[in-house]
N, C-alpha and C. Protein backbone atom coordinates (compact mmCIF):
# COMPACT_ATOMS: atom_id res chain seq x y z
N MET A 1 -23.58 47.47 -32.76
CA MET A 1 -24.23 47.25 -34.03
C MET A 1 -25.60 46.63 -33.77
N LEU A 2 -26.60 47.19 -34.42
CA LEU A 2 -27.94 46.63 -34.35
C LEU A 2 -28.07 45.55 -35.42
N ILE A 3 -28.81 44.49 -35.12
CA ILE A 3 -29.06 43.43 -36.10
C ILE A 3 -30.57 43.33 -36.30
N VAL A 4 -31.01 43.41 -37.57
CA VAL A 4 -32.42 43.31 -37.91
C VAL A 4 -32.58 42.24 -38.99
N ASN A 5 -33.77 41.66 -39.04
CA ASN A 5 -34.06 40.58 -39.97
C ASN A 5 -34.96 41.06 -41.10
N GLN A 6 -34.65 40.60 -42.30
CA GLN A 6 -35.50 40.87 -43.46
C GLN A 6 -36.87 40.21 -43.25
N ASN A 7 -37.90 40.79 -43.83
CA ASN A 7 -39.26 40.24 -43.83
C ASN A 7 -39.84 40.09 -42.44
N GLN A 8 -39.45 40.98 -41.52
CA GLN A 8 -39.97 40.92 -40.16
C GLN A 8 -40.10 42.33 -39.60
N SER A 9 -40.91 42.43 -38.56
CA SER A 9 -40.94 43.65 -37.76
C SER A 9 -39.88 43.49 -36.68
N ASN A 10 -38.98 44.45 -36.59
CA ASN A 10 -37.84 44.38 -35.69
C ASN A 10 -37.91 45.51 -34.68
N TYR A 11 -37.70 45.17 -33.41
CA TYR A 11 -37.57 46.20 -32.39
C TYR A 11 -36.13 46.69 -32.40
N ILE A 12 -35.96 48.00 -32.37
CA ILE A 12 -34.63 48.57 -32.20
C ILE A 12 -34.68 49.52 -31.01
N ILE A 13 -33.64 49.46 -30.22
CA ILE A 13 -33.53 50.28 -29.02
C ILE A 13 -32.38 51.26 -29.22
N LEU A 14 -32.67 52.55 -29.07
CA LEU A 14 -31.67 53.61 -29.19
C LEU A 14 -31.77 54.51 -27.97
N THR A 15 -30.74 55.29 -27.72
CA THR A 15 -30.76 56.22 -26.59
C THR A 15 -30.75 57.65 -27.12
N LEU A 16 -31.82 58.02 -27.80
CA LEU A 16 -31.87 59.31 -28.47
C LEU A 16 -32.16 60.47 -27.52
N THR A 17 -32.96 60.23 -26.49
CA THR A 17 -33.35 61.32 -25.60
C THR A 17 -32.67 61.25 -24.23
N GLU A 18 -31.68 60.40 -24.10
CA GLU A 18 -31.00 60.26 -22.82
C GLU A 18 -30.31 61.56 -22.40
N ASP A 19 -29.70 62.25 -23.36
CA ASP A 19 -28.97 63.49 -23.05
C ASP A 19 -29.58 64.72 -23.71
N VAL A 20 -30.76 64.59 -24.32
CA VAL A 20 -31.37 65.69 -25.06
C VAL A 20 -32.80 65.89 -24.58
N THR A 21 -33.21 67.12 -24.41
CA THR A 21 -34.60 67.44 -24.10
C THR A 21 -35.26 67.94 -25.37
N LEU A 22 -36.30 67.26 -25.82
CA LEU A 22 -36.99 67.64 -27.04
C LEU A 22 -38.06 68.68 -26.72
N THR A 23 -38.18 69.66 -27.59
CA THR A 23 -39.20 70.68 -27.41
C THR A 23 -39.94 70.88 -28.73
N GLY A 24 -41.17 71.35 -28.63
CA GLY A 24 -41.93 71.66 -29.83
C GLY A 24 -42.50 70.44 -30.52
N ASN A 25 -42.95 70.64 -31.74
CA ASN A 25 -43.59 69.60 -32.53
C ASN A 25 -42.53 68.86 -33.35
N THR A 26 -41.92 67.85 -32.75
CA THR A 26 -40.85 67.12 -33.41
C THR A 26 -41.16 65.62 -33.44
N TYR A 27 -40.42 64.92 -34.26
CA TYR A 27 -40.53 63.46 -34.34
C TYR A 27 -39.15 62.91 -34.65
N PHE A 28 -39.01 61.60 -34.56
CA PHE A 28 -37.74 60.95 -34.88
C PHE A 28 -37.78 60.46 -36.31
N SER A 29 -36.65 60.59 -36.99
CA SER A 29 -36.53 60.02 -38.33
C SER A 29 -35.19 59.30 -38.44
N LEU A 30 -35.13 58.40 -39.39
CA LEU A 30 -33.97 57.54 -39.57
C LEU A 30 -33.54 57.59 -41.03
N ASP A 31 -32.24 57.73 -41.27
CA ASP A 31 -31.67 57.62 -42.60
C ASP A 31 -30.78 56.39 -42.63
N LEU A 32 -30.88 55.59 -43.69
CA LEU A 32 -30.04 54.41 -43.87
C LEU A 32 -29.24 54.55 -45.16
N LYS A 33 -28.00 54.08 -45.15
CA LYS A 33 -27.18 54.07 -46.36
C LYS A 33 -26.42 52.76 -46.39
N ASN A 34 -26.59 51.99 -47.48
CA ASN A 34 -25.90 50.72 -47.62
C ASN A 34 -24.40 50.95 -47.74
N GLU A 35 -23.64 50.21 -46.96
CA GLU A 35 -22.19 50.40 -46.89
C GLU A 35 -21.49 50.11 -48.22
N TYR A 36 -22.05 49.20 -49.03
CA TYR A 36 -21.39 48.79 -50.27
C TYR A 36 -22.01 49.43 -51.51
N THR A 37 -23.33 49.50 -51.58
CA THR A 37 -23.99 50.03 -52.77
C THR A 37 -24.25 51.53 -52.69
N ASN A 38 -24.14 52.10 -51.48
CA ASN A 38 -24.43 53.51 -51.22
C ASN A 38 -25.89 53.89 -51.47
N LYS A 39 -26.78 52.90 -51.61
CA LYS A 39 -28.21 53.18 -51.76
C LYS A 39 -28.70 53.78 -50.46
N GLU A 40 -29.49 54.86 -50.56
CA GLU A 40 -29.96 55.58 -49.38
C GLU A 40 -31.47 55.47 -49.22
N TYR A 41 -31.91 55.42 -47.97
CA TYR A 41 -33.31 55.44 -47.58
C TYR A 41 -33.42 56.54 -46.53
N ASN A 42 -34.08 57.64 -46.86
CA ASN A 42 -34.07 58.81 -46.00
C ASN A 42 -35.45 59.13 -45.43
N ASP A 43 -35.43 59.74 -44.26
CA ASP A 43 -36.64 60.23 -43.58
C ASP A 43 -37.67 59.13 -43.29
N ILE A 44 -37.18 58.02 -42.75
CA ILE A 44 -38.07 56.97 -42.26
C ILE A 44 -38.56 57.43 -40.89
N ILE A 45 -39.85 57.56 -40.71
CA ILE A 45 -40.40 58.11 -39.48
C ILE A 45 -40.54 57.01 -38.43
N LEU A 46 -40.03 57.29 -37.24
CA LEU A 46 -40.05 56.33 -36.14
C LEU A 46 -41.01 56.80 -35.05
N THR A 47 -41.82 55.89 -34.56
CA THR A 47 -42.73 56.16 -33.45
C THR A 47 -42.15 55.56 -32.19
N ASP A 48 -41.95 56.38 -31.18
CA ASP A 48 -41.33 55.92 -29.93
C ASP A 48 -42.35 55.14 -29.11
N LEU A 49 -42.01 53.88 -28.82
CA LEU A 49 -42.88 52.99 -28.05
C LEU A 49 -42.43 52.82 -26.61
N SER A 50 -41.33 53.48 -26.24
CA SER A 50 -40.77 53.33 -24.90
C SER A 50 -41.66 53.99 -23.85
N ILE A 51 -41.76 53.34 -22.70
CA ILE A 51 -42.46 53.97 -21.58
C ILE A 51 -41.48 54.74 -20.69
N TYR A 52 -40.19 54.61 -20.97
CA TYR A 52 -39.14 55.33 -20.24
C TYR A 52 -38.32 56.16 -21.21
N THR A 53 -38.95 57.13 -21.86
CA THR A 53 -38.29 57.88 -22.93
C THR A 53 -37.12 58.72 -22.44
N ASP A 54 -37.03 59.02 -21.16
CA ASP A 54 -35.88 59.76 -20.67
C ASP A 54 -34.64 58.87 -20.56
N ARG A 55 -34.81 57.57 -20.71
CA ARG A 55 -33.70 56.62 -20.60
C ARG A 55 -33.36 55.95 -21.94
N TYR A 56 -34.39 55.50 -22.67
CA TYR A 56 -34.16 54.84 -23.96
C TYR A 56 -35.38 55.02 -24.84
N ASN A 57 -35.20 54.74 -26.12
CA ASN A 57 -36.27 54.85 -27.10
C ASN A 57 -36.40 53.52 -27.83
N LYS A 58 -37.63 53.05 -27.96
CA LYS A 58 -37.91 51.75 -28.57
C LYS A 58 -38.77 51.98 -29.81
N PHE A 59 -38.32 51.40 -30.93
CA PHE A 59 -39.02 51.59 -32.20
C PHE A 59 -39.23 50.24 -32.87
N VAL A 60 -40.20 50.20 -33.77
CA VAL A 60 -40.39 49.04 -34.63
C VAL A 60 -40.00 49.46 -36.05
N LEU A 61 -39.08 48.71 -36.64
CA LEU A 61 -38.67 48.92 -38.03
C LEU A 61 -39.06 47.66 -38.78
N THR A 62 -40.00 47.79 -39.71
CA THR A 62 -40.48 46.64 -40.46
C THR A 62 -39.77 46.58 -41.80
N LEU A 63 -39.06 45.49 -42.03
CA LEU A 63 -38.41 45.25 -43.30
C LEU A 63 -39.29 44.30 -44.09
N THR A 64 -39.86 44.79 -45.15
CA THR A 64 -40.80 44.01 -45.92
C THR A 64 -40.14 43.47 -47.18
N GLY A 65 -40.52 42.30 -47.58
CA GLY A 65 -40.02 41.71 -48.82
C GLY A 65 -40.77 42.23 -50.03
N GLU A 66 -41.78 43.04 -49.79
CA GLU A 66 -42.58 43.60 -50.87
C GLU A 66 -41.99 44.95 -51.27
N THR A 67 -42.26 45.36 -52.48
CA THR A 67 -41.76 46.66 -52.91
C THR A 67 -42.63 47.80 -52.40
N SER A 68 -43.80 47.48 -51.84
CA SER A 68 -44.62 48.55 -51.26
C SER A 68 -44.01 48.94 -49.92
N GLN A 69 -43.89 50.24 -49.69
CA GLN A 69 -43.29 50.74 -48.47
C GLN A 69 -44.09 51.91 -47.96
N ASN A 70 -43.92 52.18 -46.67
CA ASN A 70 -44.58 53.32 -46.06
C ASN A 70 -43.61 53.91 -45.04
N TYR A 71 -42.84 54.91 -45.47
CA TYR A 71 -41.83 55.50 -44.59
C TYR A 71 -42.45 56.12 -43.35
N SER A 72 -43.69 56.58 -43.44
CA SER A 72 -44.31 57.20 -42.26
C SER A 72 -44.70 56.17 -41.22
N LEU A 73 -44.72 54.89 -41.57
CA LEU A 73 -44.99 53.81 -40.63
C LEU A 73 -43.75 52.95 -40.37
N ALA A 74 -42.58 53.43 -40.77
CA ALA A 74 -41.30 52.71 -40.62
C ALA A 74 -41.38 51.33 -41.26
N LYS A 75 -42.05 51.23 -42.43
CA LYS A 75 -42.14 49.99 -43.19
C LYS A 75 -41.40 50.21 -44.50
N ILE A 76 -40.25 49.55 -44.63
CA ILE A 76 -39.41 49.79 -45.79
C ILE A 76 -39.01 48.49 -46.47
N TYR A 77 -38.66 48.61 -47.72
CA TYR A 77 -38.17 47.48 -48.51
C TYR A 77 -36.68 47.66 -48.73
N LEU A 78 -35.87 46.78 -48.16
CA LEU A 78 -34.44 46.78 -48.38
C LEU A 78 -34.10 45.57 -49.24
N LYS A 79 -33.66 45.82 -50.44
CA LYS A 79 -33.37 44.74 -51.37
C LYS A 79 -32.18 43.90 -50.91
N ASP A 80 -31.20 44.59 -50.32
CA ASP A 80 -29.93 43.92 -50.03
C ASP A 80 -29.72 43.69 -48.55
N ASN A 81 -29.30 42.45 -48.20
CA ASN A 81 -28.77 42.20 -46.87
C ASN A 81 -27.43 42.91 -46.79
N GLY A 82 -26.92 43.05 -45.59
CA GLY A 82 -25.61 43.67 -45.44
C GLY A 82 -25.62 44.73 -44.36
N THR A 83 -24.60 45.55 -44.37
CA THR A 83 -24.42 46.56 -43.35
C THR A 83 -24.86 47.93 -43.86
N TYR A 84 -25.64 48.61 -43.05
CA TYR A 84 -26.12 49.95 -43.37
C TYR A 84 -25.66 50.90 -42.27
N TRP A 85 -25.26 52.10 -42.69
CA TRP A 85 -24.94 53.17 -41.76
C TRP A 85 -26.26 53.85 -41.43
N TYR A 86 -26.57 54.02 -40.14
CA TYR A 86 -27.81 54.71 -39.80
C TYR A 86 -27.51 56.02 -39.10
N LYS A 87 -28.41 56.96 -39.28
CA LYS A 87 -28.38 58.23 -38.57
C LYS A 87 -29.80 58.50 -38.09
N ALA A 88 -29.94 58.71 -36.80
CA ALA A 88 -31.25 58.99 -36.20
C ALA A 88 -31.31 60.47 -35.84
N TYR A 89 -32.43 61.08 -36.18
CA TYR A 89 -32.58 62.53 -36.03
C TYR A 89 -33.79 62.90 -35.20
N ASN A 90 -33.73 64.06 -34.60
CA ASN A 90 -34.89 64.79 -34.10
C ASN A 90 -35.27 65.69 -35.28
N ASN A 91 -36.52 65.59 -35.72
CA ASN A 91 -36.92 66.23 -36.97
C ASN A 91 -38.17 67.05 -36.75
N ASP A 92 -38.17 68.32 -37.19
CA ASP A 92 -39.38 69.14 -37.08
C ASP A 92 -40.02 69.39 -38.44
N GLY A 93 -39.59 68.67 -39.45
CA GLY A 93 -40.12 68.83 -40.80
C GLY A 93 -39.29 69.80 -41.63
N ILE A 94 -38.49 70.64 -40.99
CA ILE A 94 -37.63 71.58 -41.70
C ILE A 94 -36.17 71.31 -41.36
N ASN A 95 -35.87 71.23 -40.08
CA ASN A 95 -34.51 71.00 -39.60
C ASN A 95 -34.39 69.60 -39.01
N LYS A 96 -33.20 69.01 -39.18
CA LYS A 96 -32.91 67.70 -38.60
C LYS A 96 -31.71 67.84 -37.68
N GLU A 97 -31.88 67.39 -36.42
CA GLU A 97 -30.80 67.42 -35.45
C GLU A 97 -30.31 65.99 -35.25
N LEU A 98 -29.06 65.73 -35.60
CA LEU A 98 -28.49 64.39 -35.46
C LEU A 98 -28.38 64.03 -33.99
N LEU A 99 -28.96 62.88 -33.61
CA LEU A 99 -28.94 62.43 -32.22
C LEU A 99 -28.05 61.21 -32.02
N GLU A 100 -27.99 60.32 -33.03
CA GLU A 100 -27.21 59.09 -32.88
C GLU A 100 -26.91 58.54 -34.26
N GLU A 101 -25.76 57.86 -34.37
CA GLU A 101 -25.42 57.18 -35.62
C GLU A 101 -24.66 55.91 -35.30
N GLY A 102 -24.70 54.97 -36.23
CA GLY A 102 -24.04 53.69 -36.03
C GLY A 102 -24.32 52.77 -37.20
N PHE A 103 -24.19 51.47 -36.97
CA PHE A 103 -24.39 50.48 -38.02
C PHE A 103 -25.57 49.57 -37.70
N ILE A 104 -26.30 49.20 -38.74
CA ILE A 104 -27.35 48.18 -38.66
C ILE A 104 -26.96 47.08 -39.64
N LYS A 105 -26.97 45.86 -39.15
CA LYS A 105 -26.71 44.70 -40.02
C LYS A 105 -28.05 44.09 -40.37
N VAL A 106 -28.34 44.02 -41.67
CA VAL A 106 -29.57 43.43 -42.16
C VAL A 106 -29.25 42.02 -42.63
N VAL A 107 -29.94 41.04 -42.05
CA VAL A 107 -29.68 39.63 -42.37
C VAL A 107 -30.94 39.00 -42.91
N GLY A 108 -30.82 37.75 -43.37
CA GLY A 108 -31.98 36.99 -43.80
C GLY A 108 -32.92 36.80 -42.63
N THR A 109 -33.68 35.75 -42.60
CA THR A 109 -34.64 35.57 -41.52
C THR A 109 -34.00 35.21 -40.20
N GLU A 110 -32.77 34.66 -40.23
CA GLU A 110 -32.06 34.36 -38.98
C GLU A 110 -30.59 34.60 -39.15
N ASP A 111 -29.96 35.18 -38.15
CA ASP A 111 -28.52 35.35 -38.14
C ASP A 111 -27.91 34.15 -37.44
N SER A 112 -26.68 33.81 -37.81
CA SER A 112 -26.02 32.70 -37.11
C SER A 112 -25.75 33.11 -35.67
N LYS A 113 -25.74 32.14 -34.80
CA LYS A 113 -25.51 32.40 -33.38
C LYS A 113 -24.09 31.98 -33.04
N ILE A 114 -23.33 32.89 -32.48
CA ILE A 114 -21.94 32.61 -32.11
C ILE A 114 -21.87 32.58 -30.60
N SER A 115 -21.24 31.54 -30.05
CA SER A 115 -21.15 31.44 -28.60
C SER A 115 -19.74 31.02 -28.20
N PHE A 116 -19.38 31.36 -27.00
CA PHE A 116 -18.07 31.01 -26.44
C PHE A 116 -18.30 30.16 -25.21
N ASP A 117 -17.65 29.03 -25.14
CA ASP A 117 -17.77 28.13 -24.00
C ASP A 117 -16.61 28.42 -23.04
N GLU A 118 -16.92 29.03 -21.89
CA GLU A 118 -15.85 29.42 -20.97
C GLU A 118 -15.17 28.21 -20.33
N TYR A 119 -15.79 27.04 -20.38
CA TYR A 119 -15.20 25.84 -19.77
C TYR A 119 -14.42 25.01 -20.77
N ASP A 120 -14.40 25.45 -22.03
CA ASP A 120 -13.67 24.74 -23.07
C ASP A 120 -12.21 25.19 -23.02
N ASN A 121 -11.28 24.25 -22.91
CA ASN A 121 -9.87 24.58 -22.74
C ASN A 121 -9.17 25.03 -24.01
N ASP A 122 -9.77 24.82 -25.20
CA ASP A 122 -9.05 25.19 -26.44
C ASP A 122 -9.47 26.57 -26.95
N ASP A 123 -10.21 27.36 -26.15
CA ASP A 123 -10.60 28.74 -26.51
C ASP A 123 -11.27 28.83 -27.87
N SER A 124 -12.11 27.86 -28.18
CA SER A 124 -12.76 27.87 -29.51
C SER A 124 -14.13 28.54 -29.43
N LEU A 125 -14.58 29.00 -30.57
CA LEU A 125 -15.92 29.54 -30.72
C LEU A 125 -16.75 28.52 -31.47
N SER A 126 -18.03 28.45 -31.16
CA SER A 126 -18.91 27.57 -31.93
C SER A 126 -19.94 28.43 -32.65
N VAL A 127 -20.26 28.01 -33.86
CA VAL A 127 -21.22 28.73 -34.68
C VAL A 127 -22.37 27.81 -34.99
N ASP A 128 -23.60 28.22 -34.61
CA ASP A 128 -24.80 27.46 -34.93
C ASP A 128 -25.46 28.08 -36.15
N LEU A 129 -25.66 27.30 -37.19
CA LEU A 129 -26.30 27.81 -38.40
C LEU A 129 -27.71 27.31 -38.51
């Protein structure tokens, strides 16, 4: 599961081209669907920033608190925190080839940090808020 923060530019790492060779004039796009409200955000254009594109793909997804958005710059307004189903595509403007899907958790400005202390004998977890 990917975790991204509201009101920030977030790096997300995906492995879209690890097993696929892209040809022609294509780009990556992302569709999001809120798990609870079913609100959809489709055709968010992603620019690959990775220098090792045959291994992984690195993108910036900006979640803005403003209602102004620019899907072609991966700048979107998500009203609701929560879990979103994502689908990443190879897109030529007509056809979309599904490359990867999974979950993105959208949180406020910081997510709680959960840690496990291997030297603690009571097998407890600690949560830093």
